[in-house]
Every structure is written in C-alpha cells, then in structure tokens.
Amino acid sequence: MVENKNLVSITDGAIQELKKLFKEHNLPEEQGLRIGVKGGGCSGFSYIMGFDKKKDNDAVFEQDGLKVFIEKAHGLYLSGMQVDYQDGLNARGFIFNNPNADETCGCGSSFSA
C-alpha cells in the first residue's frame, strides 16, 4: 500500500475524527483521505480535504490505518505539513500547520508559498 513516505503527518486527534467520519458516512474501503491545495483564498492557495478514491497521479501513504492520497504535484506545497483536529470552546475543526507557507490568513485555510 505504501508508495511514498508520509508527505504530511496527521495527529492522533485528527486520525480519530477522520475515522469517525469515514465510518459515519459508510464509505467503501477503496476510499481514503485526499489532502491537496487549490488556487484561491485570501492568501493565494486554499487547502482541500475530503474522502476520495485513489487517482493515477497520487502519492499514497497510510497512517494508523487511514489511507491518504495527495496529488504528486501538490507535494511541493504540503510536504512536512501537520493536520490536527481541535475540539474546544474557541475552535473546532481541522487545523493545517504548514512549514511551507510564507503567510496565512486569519481563517487558517489559505496560505501563500
């Protein structure tokens, strides 16, 4: 299954939440988590994350039983990034900690590189 070393790391809290969502939506086994970027957002790029099937141009790895797909061209922007999940009073949701981002916006979902 593992084609590439992990391009991103996913915290235990994020893994638990993602596995819960995967199960709640009764997704088929061939699907995994897709992490990527797209143009747009207030800083230039926005993160994308969702469940999807593997595509031919994907880097693939597995973390704690969760399959992760990243389009190889996006690796430049995502390599070394950490995905976290927070469930607190002030913040709830997935957090992207990206060492490749030159600047980020206040919402934390867009960046420039």
PDB file of N, CA and C in Angstrom:
ATOM      1  N   MET A   1       0.830  -1.202   0.000  1.00  0.00           N
ATOM      2  CA  MET A   1       0.000   0.000   0.000  1.00  0.00           C
ATOM      3  C   MET A   1       0.860   1.245   0.000  1.00  0.00           C
ATOM      4  N   VAL A   2       1.929   1.265   0.767  1.00  0.00           N
ATOM      5  CA  VAL A   2       2.711   2.488   0.900  1.00  0.00           C
ATOM      6  C   VAL A   2       3.574   2.691  -0.334  1.00  0.00           C
ATOM      7  N   GLU A   3       3.344   3.783  -1.044  1.00  0.00           N
ATOM      8  CA  GLU A   3       4.119   4.123  -2.231  1.00  0.00           C
ATOM      9  C   GLU A   3       5.144   5.197  -1.920  1.00  0.00           C
ATOM     10  N   ASN A   4       4.851   6.071  -1.007  1.00  0.00           N
ATOM     11  CA  ASN A   4       5.713   7.197  -0.673  1.00  0.00           C
ATOM     12  C   ASN A   4       5.778   7.329   0.833  1.00  0.00           C
ATOM     13  N   LYS A   5       6.886   7.906   1.320  1.00  0.00           N
ATOM     14  CA  LYS A   5       6.897   8.201   2.750  1.00  0.00           C
ATOM     15  C   LYS A   5       5.837   9.266   3.010  1.00  0.00           C
ATOM     16  N   ASN A   6       5.432   9.372   4.233  1.00  0.00           N
ATOM     17  CA  ASN A   6       4.374  10.314   4.576  1.00  0.00           C
ATOM     18  C   ASN A   6       4.776  11.744   4.217  1.00  0.00           C
ATOM     19  N   LEU A   7       4.018  12.362   3.335  1.00  0.00           N
ATOM     20  CA  LEU A   7       4.251  13.759   2.976  1.00  0.00           C
ATOM     21  C   LEU A   7       3.755  14.689   4.066  1.00  0.00           C
ATOM     22  N   VAL A   8       2.693  14.274   4.737  1.00  0.00           N
ATOM     23  CA  VAL A   8       2.124  15.053   5.836  1.00  0.00           C
ATOM     24  C   VAL A   8       1.974  14.138   7.041  1.00  0.00           C
ATOM     25  N   SER A   9       1.887  14.739   8.206  1.00  0.00           N
ATOM     26  CA  SER A   9       1.590  13.957   9.405  1.00  0.00           C
ATOM     27  C   SER A   9       0.201  14.350   9.892  1.00  0.00           C
ATOM     28  N   ILE A  10      -0.447  13.398  10.497  1.00  0.00           N
ATOM     29  CA  ILE A  10      -1.807  13.616  10.997  1.00  0.00           C
ATOM     30  C   ILE A  10      -1.803  13.247  12.471  1.00  0.00           C
ATOM     31  N   THR A  11      -2.220  14.167  13.321  1.00  0.00           N
ATOM     32  CA  THR A  11      -2.198  13.919  14.756  1.00  0.00           C
ATOM     33  C   THR A  11      -3.205  12.828  15.131  1.00  0.00           C
ATOM     34  N   ASP A  12      -3.008  12.263  16.307  1.00  0.00           N
ATOM     35  CA  ASP A  12      -3.920  11.223  16.785  1.00  0.00           C
ATOM     36  C   ASP A  12      -5.360  11.716  16.857  1.00  0.00           C
ATOM     37  N   GLY A  13      -5.553  12.953  17.328  1.00  0.00           N
ATOM     38  CA  GLY A  13      -6.901  13.514  17.413  1.00  0.00           C
ATOM     39  C   GLY A  13      -7.555  13.636  16.050  1.00  0.00           C
ATOM     40  N   ALA A  14      -6.784  14.055  15.041  1.00  0.00           N
ATOM     41  CA  ALA A  14      -7.321  14.164  13.686  1.00  0.00           C
ATOM     42  C   ALA A  14      -7.621  12.793  13.116  1.00  0.00           C
ATOM     43  N   ILE A  15      -6.750  11.814  13.362  1.00  0.00           N
ATOM     44  CA  ILE A  15      -6.985  10.441  12.884  1.00  0.00           C
ATOM     45  C   ILE A  15      -8.291   9.909  13.466  1.00  0.00           C
ATOM     46  N   GLN A  16      -8.495  10.095  14.757  1.00  0.00           N
ATOM     47  CA  GLN A  16      -9.724   9.610  15.400  1.00  0.00           C
ATOM     48  C   GLN A  16     -10.957  10.248  14.780  1.00  0.00           C
ATOM     49  N   GLU A  17     -10.922  11.561  14.559  1.00  0.00           N
ATOM     50  CA  GLU A  17     -12.076  12.259  13.984  1.00  0.00           C
ATOM     51  C   GLU A  17     -12.320  11.806  12.542  1.00  0.00           C
ATOM     52  N   LEU A  18     -11.245  11.631  11.772  1.00  0.00           N
ATOM     53  CA  LEU A  18     -11.385  11.201  10.378  1.00  0.00           C
ATOM     54  C   LEU A  18     -11.946   9.786  10.284  1.00  0.00           C
ATOM     55  N   LYS A  19     -11.473   8.889  11.151  1.00  0.00           N
ATOM     56  CA  LYS A  19     -12.005   7.515  11.160  1.00  0.00           C
ATOM     57  C   LYS A  19     -13.479   7.514  11.553  1.00  0.00           C
ATOM     58  N   LYS A  20     -13.845   8.382  12.489  1.00  0.00           N
ATOM     59  CA  LYS A  20     -15.251   8.502  12.901  1.00  0.00           C
ATOM     60  C   LYS A  20     -16.107   8.969  11.720  1.00  0.00           C
ATOM     61  N   LEU A  21     -15.624   9.985  10.985  1.00  0.00           N
ATOM     62  CA  LEU A  21     -16.364  10.481   9.821  1.00  0.00           C
ATOM     63  C   LEU A  21     -16.456   9.421   8.729  1.00  0.00           C
ATOM     64  N   PHE A  22     -15.370   8.693   8.506  1.00  0.00           N
ATOM     65  CA  PHE A  22     -15.343   7.633   7.498  1.00  0.00           C
ATOM     66  C   PHE A  22     -16.422   6.592   7.805  1.00  0.00           C
ATOM     67  N   LYS A  23     -16.503   6.211   9.074  1.00  0.00           N
ATOM     68  CA  LYS A  23     -17.482   5.203   9.495  1.00  0.00           C
ATOM     69  C   LYS A  23     -18.913   5.755   9.427  1.00  0.00           C
ATOM     70  N   GLU A  24     -19.112   6.989   9.883  1.00  0.00           N
ATOM     71  CA  GLU A  24     -20.446   7.608   9.874  1.00  0.00           C
ATOM     72  C   GLU A  24     -21.023   7.695   8.465  1.00  0.00           C
ATOM     73  N   HIS A  25     -20.158   7.948   7.483  1.00  0.00           N
ATOM     74  CA  HIS A  25     -20.608   8.091   6.099  1.00  0.00           C
ATOM     75  C   HIS A  25     -20.593   6.772   5.345  1.00  0.00           C
ATOM     76  N   ASN A  26     -20.227   5.680   6.058  1.00  0.00           N
ATOM     77  CA  ASN A  26     -20.253   4.333   5.490  1.00  0.00           C
ATOM     78  C   ASN A  26     -19.540   4.282   4.127  1.00  0.00           C
ATOM     79  N   LEU A  27     -18.332   4.808   4.088  1.00  0.00           N
ATOM     80  CA  LEU A  27     -17.576   4.894   2.839  1.00  0.00           C
ATOM     81  C   LEU A  27     -16.940   3.555   2.479  1.00  0.00           C
ATOM     82  N   PRO A  28     -16.809   3.263   1.185  1.00  0.00           N
ATOM     83  CA  PRO A  28     -16.193   1.996   0.769  1.00  0.00           C
ATOM     84  C   PRO A  28     -14.703   1.971   1.089  1.00  0.00           C
ATOM     85  N   GLU A  29     -14.161   0.763   1.267  1.00  0.00           N
ATOM     86  CA  GLU A  29     -12.769   0.559   1.659  1.00  0.00           C
ATOM     87  C   GLU A  29     -11.755   1.200   0.716  1.00  0.00           C
ATOM     88  N   GLU A  30     -12.065   1.287  -0.586  1.00  0.00           N
ATOM     89  CA  GLU A  30     -11.090   1.834  -1.531  1.00  0.00           C
ATOM     90  C   GLU A  30     -10.916   3.353  -1.387  1.00  0.00           C
ATOM     91  N   GLN A  31     -11.794   3.993  -0.633  1.00  0.00           N
ATOM     92  CA  GLN A  31     -11.656   5.426  -0.436  1.00  0.00           C
ATOM     93  C   GLN A  31     -10.673   5.721   0.696  1.00  0.00           C
ATOM     94  N   GLY A  32     -10.093   6.896   0.622  1.00  0.00           N
ATOM     95  CA  GLY A  32      -9.183   7.364   1.649  1.00  0.00           C
ATOM     96  C   GLY A  32      -9.302   8.868   1.757  1.00  0.00           C
ATOM     97  N   LEU A  33      -8.431   9.442   2.547  1.00  0.00           N
ATOM     98  CA  LEU A  33      -8.432  10.882   2.754  1.00  0.00           C
ATOM     99  C   LEU A  33      -7.599  11.552   1.670  1.00  0.00           C
ATOM    100  N   ARG A  34      -8.187  12.515   0.977  1.00  0.00           N
ATOM    101  CA  ARG A  34      -7.455  13.306  -0.012  1.00  0.00           C
ATOM    102  C   ARG A  34      -7.137  14.660   0.615  1.00  0.00           C
ATOM    103  N   ILE A  35      -5.843  15.020   0.564  1.00  0.00           N
ATOM    104  CA  ILE A  35      -5.386  16.323   1.033  1.00  0.00           C
ATOM    105  C   ILE A  35      -4.737  17.006  -0.162  1.00  0.00           C
ATOM    106  N   GLY A  36      -5.055  18.272  -0.377  1.00  0.00           N
ATOM    107  CA  GLY A  36      -4.476  18.979  -1.512  1.00  0.00           C
ATOM    108  C   GLY A  36      -4.593  20.478  -1.355  1.00  0.00           C
ATOM    109  N   VAL A  37      -4.281  21.158  -2.428  1.00  0.00           N
ATOM    110  CA  VAL A  37      -4.399  22.612  -2.478  1.00  0.00           C
ATOM    111  C   VAL A  37      -5.108  23.003  -3.762  1.00  0.00           C
ATOM    112  N   LYS A  38      -5.682  24.187  -3.760  1.00  0.00           N
ATOM    113  CA  LYS A  38      -6.266  24.762  -4.973  1.00  0.00           C
ATOM    114  C   LYS A  38      -6.018  26.257  -4.933  1.00  0.00           C
ATOM    115  N   GLY A  39      -5.991  26.866  -6.096  1.00  0.00           N
ATOM    116  CA  GLY A  39      -5.826  28.309  -6.163  1.00  0.00           C
ATOM    117  C   GLY A  39      -7.029  29.008  -5.580  1.00  0.00           C
ATOM    118  N   GLY A  40      -6.800  30.119  -4.915  1.00  0.00           N
ATOM    119  CA  GLY A  40      -7.890  30.879  -4.318  1.00  0.00           C
ATOM    120  C   GLY A  40      -7.664  31.105  -2.843  1.00  0.00           C
ATOM    121  N   GLY A  41      -8.625  31.661  -2.217  1.00  0.00           N
ATOM    122  CA  GLY A  41      -8.491  32.001  -0.807  1.00  0.00           C
ATOM    123  C   GLY A  41      -7.837  33.366  -0.673  1.00  0.00           C
ATOM    124  N   CYS A  42      -7.899  33.925   0.496  1.00  0.00           N
ATOM    125  CA  CYS A  42      -7.397  35.289   0.679  1.00  0.00           C
ATOM    126  C   CYS A  42      -5.882  35.385   0.645  1.00  0.00           C
ATOM    127  N   SER A  43      -5.158  34.255   0.707  1.00  0.00           N
ATOM    128  CA  SER A  43      -3.698  34.306   0.663  1.00  0.00           C
ATOM    129  C   SER A  43      -3.110  33.686  -0.607  1.00  0.00           C
ATOM    130  N   GLY A  44      -3.920  33.173  -1.500  1.00  0.00           N
ATOM    131  CA  GLY A  44      -3.407  32.626  -2.753  1.00  0.00           C
ATOM    132  C   GLY A  44      -3.755  31.173  -2.997  1.00  0.00           C
ATOM    133  N   PHE A  45      -3.622  30.321  -1.979  1.00  0.00           N
ATOM    134  CA  PHE A  45      -3.976  28.901  -2.072  1.00  0.00           C
ATOM    135  C   PHE A  45      -4.910  28.546  -0.928  1.00  0.00           C
ATOM    136  N   SER A  46      -5.776  27.577  -1.172  1.00  0.00           N
ATOM    137  CA  SER A  46      -6.643  27.041  -0.125  1.00  0.00           C
ATOM    138  C   SER A  46      -6.393  25.548  -0.002  1.00  0.00           C
ATOM    139  N   TYR A  47      -6.516  25.046   1.206  1.00  0.00           N
ATOM    140  CA  TYR A  47      -6.394  23.607   1.433  1.00  0.00           C
ATOM    141  C   TYR A  47      -7.693  22.921   1.041  1.00  0.00           C
ATOM    142  N   ILE A  48      -7.574  21.703   0.524  1.00  0.00           N
ATOM    143  CA  ILE A  48      -8.743  20.862   0.306  1.00  0.00           C
ATOM    144  C   ILE A  48      -8.519  19.567   1.065  1.00  0.00           C
ATOM    145  N   MET A  49      -9.590  19.036   1.597  1.00  0.00           N
ATOM    146  CA  MET A  49      -9.515  17.785   2.333  1.00  0.00           C
ATOM    147  C   MET A  49     -10.881  17.122   2.259  1.00  0.00           C
ATOM    148  N   GLY A  50     -10.891  15.857   1.907  1.00  0.00           N
ATOM    149  CA  GLY A  50     -12.138  15.116   1.829  1.00  0.00           C
ATOM    150  C   GLY A  50     -11.841  13.669   1.488  1.00  0.00           C
ATOM    151  N   PHE A  51     -12.861  12.860   1.444  1.00  0.00           N
ATOM    152  CA  PHE A  51     -12.693  11.448   1.121  1.00  0.00           C
ATOM    153  C   PHE A  51     -12.851  11.256  -0.381  1.00  0.00           C
ATOM    154  N   ASP A  52     -12.007  10.395  -0.950  1.00  0.00           N
ATOM    155  CA  ASP A  52     -11.959  10.229  -2.395  1.00  0.00           C
ATOM    156  C   ASP A  52     -11.309   8.884  -2.714  1.00  0.00           C
ATOM    157  N   LYS A  53     -11.358   8.513  -3.997  1.00  0.00           N
ATOM    158  CA  LYS A  53     -10.662   7.318  -4.485  1.00  0.00           C
ATOM    159  C   LYS A  53      -9.284   7.715  -4.987  1.00  0.00           C
ATOM    160  N   LYS A  54      -8.360   6.766  -4.992  1.00  0.00           N
ATOM    161  CA  LYS A  54      -7.011   6.991  -5.492  1.00  0.00           C
ATOM    162  C   LYS A  54      -7.057   7.295  -6.990  1.00  0.00           C
ATOM    163  N   LYS A  55      -6.206   8.245  -7.396  1.00  0.00           N
ATOM    164  CA  LYS A  55      -6.054   8.589  -8.808  1.00  0.00           C
ATOM    165  C   LYS A  55      -4.634   8.256  -9.237  1.00  0.00           C
ATOM    166  N   ASP A  56      -4.418   8.147 -10.544  1.00  0.00           N
ATOM    167  CA  ASP A  56      -3.125   7.722 -11.074  1.00  0.00           C
ATOM    168  C   ASP A  56      -1.958   8.593 -10.638  1.00  0.00           C
ATOM    169  N   ASN A  57      -2.166   9.874 -10.474  1.00  0.00           N
ATOM    170  CA  ASN A  57      -1.065  10.779 -10.154  1.00  0.00           C
ATOM    171  C   ASN A  57      -0.942  11.072  -8.661  1.00  0.00           C
ATOM    172  N   ASP A  58      -1.436  10.162  -7.816  1.00  0.00           N
ATOM    173  CA  ASP A  58      -1.404  10.370  -6.376  1.00  0.00           C
ATOM    174  C   ASP A  58      -0.189   9.735  -5.725  1.00  0.00           C
ATOM    175  N   ALA A  59       0.357  10.432  -4.751  1.00  0.00           N
ATOM    176  CA  ALA A  59       1.256   9.836  -3.774  1.00  0.00           C
ATOM    177  C   ALA A  59       0.333   9.204  -2.731  1.00  0.00           C
ATOM    178  N   VAL A  60       0.685   8.031  -2.254  1.00  0.00           N
ATOM    179  CA  VAL A  60      -0.180   7.295  -1.334  1.00  0.00           C
ATOM    180  C   VAL A  60       0.626   6.877  -0.114  1.00  0.00           C
ATOM    181  N   PHE A  61       0.051   7.078   1.057  1.00  0.00           N
ATOM    182  CA  PHE A  61       0.632   6.522   2.268  1.00  0.00           C
ATOM    183  C   PHE A  61      -0.488   6.182   3.234  1.00  0.00           C
ATOM    184  N   GLU A  62      -0.130   5.518   4.288  1.00  0.00           N
ATOM    185  CA  GLU A  62      -1.110   5.120   5.284  1.00  0.00           C
ATOM    186  C   GLU A  62      -0.597   5.549   6.645  1.00  0.00           C
ATOM    187  N   GLN A  63      -1.489   6.091   7.460  1.00  0.00           N
ATOM    188  CA  GLN A  63      -1.131   6.453   8.822  1.00  0.00           C
ATOM    189  C   GLN A  63      -2.195   5.909   9.756  1.00  0.00           C
ATOM    190  N   ASP A  64      -1.778   5.053  10.663  1.00  0.00           N
ATOM    191  CA  ASP A  64      -2.686   4.445  11.646  1.00  0.00           C
ATOM    192  C   ASP A  64      -3.934   3.855  11.002  1.00  0.00           C
ATOM    193  N   GLY A  65      -3.751   3.181   9.852  1.00  0.00           N
ATOM    194  CA  GLY A  65      -4.856   2.521   9.175  1.00  0.00           C
ATOM    195  C   GLY A  65      -5.685   3.416   8.275  1.00  0.00           C
ATOM    196  N   LEU A  66      -5.332   4.686   8.168  1.00  0.00           N
ATOM    197  CA  LEU A  66      -6.048   5.624   7.310  1.00  0.00           C
ATOM    198  C   LEU A  66      -5.241   5.844   6.037  1.00  0.00           C
ATOM    199  N   LYS A  67      -5.842   5.523   4.876  1.00  0.00           N
ATOM    200  CA  LYS A  67      -5.181   5.765   3.595  1.00  0.00           C
ATOM    201  C   LYS A  67      -5.248   7.256   3.283  1.00  0.00           C
ATOM    202  N   VAL A  68      -4.122   7.793   2.784  1.00  0.00           N
ATOM    203  CA  VAL A  68      -4.045   9.214   2.458  1.00  0.00           C
ATOM    204  C   VAL A  68      -3.560   9.349   1.020  1.00  0.00           C
ATOM    205  N   PHE A  69      -4.259  10.168   0.247  1.00  0.00           N
ATOM    206  CA  PHE A  69      -3.921  10.427  -1.156  1.00  0.00           C
ATOM    207  C   PHE A  69      -3.582  11.911  -1.317  1.00  0.00           C
ATOM    208  N   ILE A  70      -2.437  12.169  -1.962  1.00  0.00           N
ATOM    209  CA  ILE A  70      -2.027  13.537  -2.260  1.00  0.00           C
ATOM    210  C   ILE A  70      -1.550  13.564  -3.697  1.00  0.00           C
ATOM    211  N   GLU A  71      -2.138  14.445  -4.507  1.00  0.00           N
ATOM    212  CA  GLU A  71      -1.674  14.590  -5.879  1.00  0.00           C
ATOM    213  C   GLU A  71      -0.195  14.973  -5.832  1.00  0.00           C
ATOM    214  N   LYS A  72       0.634  14.232  -6.594  1.00  0.00           N
ATOM    215  CA  LYS A  72       2.083  14.417  -6.509  1.00  0.00           C
ATOM    216  C   LYS A  72       2.499  15.870  -6.713  1.00  0.00           C
ATOM    217  N   ALA A  73       1.834  16.594  -7.597  1.00  0.00           N
ATOM    218  CA  ALA A  73       2.176  18.000  -7.843  1.00  0.00           C
ATOM    219  C   ALA A  73       1.930  18.878  -6.617  1.00  0.00           C
ATOM    220  N   HIS A  74       1.073  18.449  -5.708  1.00  0.00           N
ATOM    221  CA  HIS A  74       0.771  19.230  -4.510  1.00  0.00           C
ATOM    222  C   HIS A  74       1.792  18.997  -3.408  1.00  0.00           C
ATOM    223  N   GLY A  75       2.621  17.959  -3.558  1.00  0.00           N
ATOM    224  CA  GLY A  75       3.611  17.632  -2.541  1.00  0.00           C
ATOM    225  C   GLY A  75       4.545  18.781  -2.223  1.00  0.00           C
ATOM    226  N   LEU A  76       4.866  19.582  -3.220  1.00  0.00           N
ATOM    227  CA  LEU A  76       5.738  20.747  -3.032  1.00  0.00           C
ATOM    228  C   LEU A  76       5.170  21.696  -1.978  1.00  0.00           C
ATOM    229  N   TYR A  77       3.868  21.855  -1.960  1.00  0.00           N
ATOM    230  CA  TYR A  77       3.215  22.782  -1.038  1.00  0.00           C
ATOM    231  C   TYR A  77       2.866  22.151   0.314  1.00  0.00           C
ATOM    232  N   LEU A  78       2.776  20.825   0.344  1.00  0.00           N
ATOM    233  CA  LEU A  78       2.269  20.151   1.541  1.00  0.00           C
ATOM    234  C   LEU A  78       3.315  19.366   2.326  1.00  0.00           C
ATOM    235  N   SER A  79       4.476  19.126   1.751  1.00  0.00           N
ATOM    236  CA  SER A  79       5.497  18.310   2.402  1.00  0.00           C
ATOM    237  C   SER A  79       5.852  18.870   3.779  1.00  0.00           C
ATOM    238  N   GLY A  80       5.754  18.037   4.792  1.00  0.00           N
ATOM    239  CA  GLY A  80       6.065  18.438   6.159  1.00  0.00           C
ATOM    240  C   GLY A  80       4.897  19.020   6.927  1.00  0.00           C
ATOM    241  N   MET A  81       3.747  19.152   6.289  1.00  0.00           N
ATOM    242  CA  MET A  81       2.584  19.739   6.944  1.00  0.00           C
ATOM    243  C   MET A  81       1.998  18.771   7.973  1.00  0.00           C
ATOM    244  N   GLN A  82       1.409  19.334   9.002  1.00  0.00           N
ATOM    245  CA  GLN A  82       0.708  18.550  10.018  1.00  0.00           C
ATOM    246  C   GLN A  82      -0.764  18.925   9.999  1.00  0.00           C
ATOM    247  N   VAL A  83      -1.626  17.906  10.012  1.00  0.00           N
ATOM    248  CA  VAL A  83      -3.070  18.115  10.117  1.00  0.00           C
ATOM    249  C   VAL A  83      -3.470  17.754  11.543  1.00  0.00           C
ATOM    250  N   ASP A  84      -4.142  18.668  12.199  1.00  0.00           N
ATOM    251  CA  ASP A  84      -4.578  18.463  13.577  1.00  0.00           C
ATOM    252  C   ASP A  84      -6.090  18.666  13.634  1.00  0.00           C
ATOM    253  N   TYR A  85      -6.694  18.232  14.730  1.00  0.00           N
ATOM    254  CA  TYR A  85      -8.118  18.466  14.953  1.00  0.00           C
ATOM    255  C   TYR A  85      -8.278  19.025  16.351  1.00  0.00           C
ATOM    256  N   GLN A  86      -9.005  20.115  16.459  1.00  0.00           N
ATOM    257  CA  GLN A  86      -9.274  20.711  17.762  1.00  0.00           C
ATOM    258  C   GLN A  86     -10.763  20.682  18.032  1.00  0.00           C
ATOM    259  N   ASP A  87     -11.095  20.418  19.274  1.00  0.00           N
ATOM    260  CA  ASP A  87     -12.496  20.348  19.674  1.00  0.00           C
ATOM    261  C   ASP A  87     -12.644  21.089  20.997  1.00  0.00           C
ATOM    262  N   GLY A  88     -12.472  22.391  20.939  1.00  0.00           N
ATOM    263  CA  GLY A  88     -12.540  23.190  22.152  1.00  0.00           C
ATOM    264  C   GLY A  88     -13.597  24.268  22.067  1.00  0.00           C
ATOM    265  N   LEU A  89     -13.652  25.084  23.086  1.00  0.00           N
ATOM    266  CA  LEU A  89     -14.636  26.169  23.132  1.00  0.00           C
ATOM    267  C   LEU A  89     -14.326  27.246  22.097  1.00  0.00           C
ATOM    268  N   ASN A  90     -13.056  27.552  21.893  1.00  0.00           N
ATOM    269  CA  ASN A  90     -12.678  28.630  20.979  1.00  0.00           C
ATOM    270  C   ASN A  90     -12.510  28.174  19.541  1.00  0.00           C
ATOM    271  N   ALA A  91     -12.239  26.912  19.341  1.00  0.00           N
ATOM    272  CA  ALA A  91     -12.003  26.423  17.978  1.00  0.00           C
ATOM    273  C   ALA A  91     -12.425  24.959  17.880  1.00  0.00           C
ATOM    274  N   ARG A  92     -13.046  24.647  16.756  1.00  0.00           N
ATOM    275  CA  ARG A  92     -13.405  23.268  16.491  1.00  0.00           C
ATOM    276  C   ARG A  92     -13.224  23.031  15.004  1.00  0.00           C
ATOM    277  N   GLY A  93     -12.438  22.015  14.677  1.00  0.00           N
ATOM    278  CA  GLY A  93     -12.222  21.682  13.285  1.00  0.00           C
ATOM    279  C   GLY A  93     -10.793  21.288  13.016  1.00  0.00           C
ATOM    280  N   PHE A  94     -10.510  21.064  11.742  1.00  0.00           N
ATOM    281  CA  PHE A  94      -9.188  20.641  11.322  1.00  0.00           C
ATOM    282  C   PHE A  94      -8.292  21.861  11.155  1.00  0.00           C
ATOM    283  N   ILE A  95      -7.060  21.713  11.603  1.00  0.00           N
ATOM    284  CA  ILE A  95      -6.062  22.775  11.568  1.00  0.00           C
ATOM    285  C   ILE A  95      -4.898  22.295  10.706  1.00  0.00           C
ATOM    286  N   PHE A  96      -4.413  23.166   9.819  1.00  0.00           N
ATOM    287  CA  PHE A  96      -3.289  22.847   8.945  1.00  0.00           C
ATOM    288  C   PHE A  96      -2.068  23.640   9.396  1.00  0.00           C
ATOM    289  N   ASN A  97      -1.037  22.951   9.858  1.00  0.00           N
ATOM    290  CA  ASN A  97       0.217  23.580  10.259  1.00  0.00           C
ATOM    291  C   ASN A  97       1.245  23.298   9.167  1.00  0.00           C
ATOM    292  N   ASN A  98       1.469  24.290   8.314  1.00  0.00           N
ATOM    293  CA  ASN A  98       2.276  24.088   7.112  1.00  0.00           C
ATOM    294  C   ASN A  98       3.573  24.894   7.174  1.00  0.00           C
ATOM    295  N   PRO A  99       4.735  24.209   7.267  1.00  0.00           N
ATOM    296  CA  PRO A  99       6.011  24.934   7.319  1.00  0.00           C
ATOM    297  C   PRO A  99       6.378  25.590   5.986  1.00  0.00           C
ATOM    298  N   ASN A 100       5.692  25.236   4.897  1.00  0.00           N
ATOM    299  CA  ASN A 100       5.979  25.803   3.582  1.00  0.00           C
ATOM    300  C   ASN A 100       5.236  27.106   3.322  1.00  0.00           C
ATOM    301  N   ALA A 101       4.331  27.467   4.195  1.00  0.00           N
ATOM    302  CA  ALA A 101       3.520  28.671   3.993  1.00  0.00           C
ATOM    303  C   ALA A 101       4.317  29.904   4.381  1.00  0.00           C
ATOM    304  N   ASP A 102       4.437  30.836   3.446  1.00  0.00           N
ATOM    305  CA  ASP A 102       5.097  32.103   3.746  1.00  0.00           C
ATOM    306  C   ASP A 102       4.206  32.975   4.617  1.00  0.00           C
ATOM    307  N   GLU A 103       2.913  32.943   4.342  1.00  0.00           N
ATOM    308  CA  GLU A 103       1.951  33.655   5.173  1.00  0.00           C
ATOM    309  C   GLU A 103       0.614  32.945   5.090  1.00  0.00           C
ATOM    310  N   THR A 104      -0.177  33.115   6.141  1.00  0.00           N
ATOM    311  CA  THR A 104      -1.513  32.516   6.177  1.00  0.00           C
ATOM    312  C   THR A 104      -2.507  33.609   6.519  1.00  0.00           C
ATOM    313  N   CYS A 105      -3.768  33.309   6.262  1.00  0.00           N
ATOM    314  CA  CYS A 105      -4.799  34.286   6.610  1.00  0.00           C
ATOM    315  C   CYS A 105      -5.361  33.938   7.990  1.00  0.00           C
ATOM    316  N   GLY A 106      -6.212  34.779   8.488  1.00  0.00           N
ATOM    317  CA  GLY A 106      -6.793  34.574   9.813  1.00  0.00           C
ATOM    318  C   GLY A 106      -7.644  33.332   9.938  1.00  0.00           C
ATOM    319  N   CYS A 107      -8.233  32.881   8.821  1.00  0.00           N
ATOM    320  CA  CYS A 107      -9.107  31.702   8.896  1.00  0.00           C
ATOM    321  C   CYS A 107      -8.299  30.412   8.970  1.00  0.00           C
ATOM    322  N   GLY A 108      -7.020  30.448   8.589  1.00  0.00           N
ATOM    323  CA  GLY A 108      -6.161  29.264   8.655  1.00  0.00           C
ATOM    324  C   GLY A 108      -6.364  28.273   7.540  1.00  0.00           C
ATOM    325  N   SER A 109      -7.241  28.581   6.587  1.00  0.00           N
ATOM    326  CA  SER A 109      -7.486  27.624   5.494  1.00  0.00           C
ATOM    327  C   SER A 109      -6.899  28.075   4.174  1.00  0.00           C
ATOM    328  N   SER A 110      -6.174  29.200   4.173  1.00  0.00           N
ATOM    329  CA  SER A 110      -5.492  29.601   2.950  1.00  0.00           C
ATOM    330  C   SER A 110      -4.095  30.101   3.299  1.00  0.00           C
ATOM    331  N   PHE A 111      -3.209  30.068   2.295  1.00  0.00           N
ATOM    332  CA  PHE A 111      -1.801  30.408   2.532  1.00  0.00           C
ATOM    333  C   PHE A 111      -1.163  30.846   1.239  1.00  0.00           C
ATOM    334  N   SER A 112       0.022  31.427   1.342  1.00  0.00           N
ATOM    335  CA  SER A 112       0.845  31.708   0.168  1.00  0.00           C
ATOM    336  C   SER A 112       2.181  31.016   0.371  1.00  0.00           C
ATOM    337  N   ALA A 113       2.802  30.650  -0.738  1.00  0.00           N
ATOM    338  CA  ALA A 113       4.084  29.945  -0.654  1.00  0.00           C
ATOM    339  C   ALA A 113       5.074  30.569  -1.624  1.00  0.00           C
TER     340      ALA A 113
END
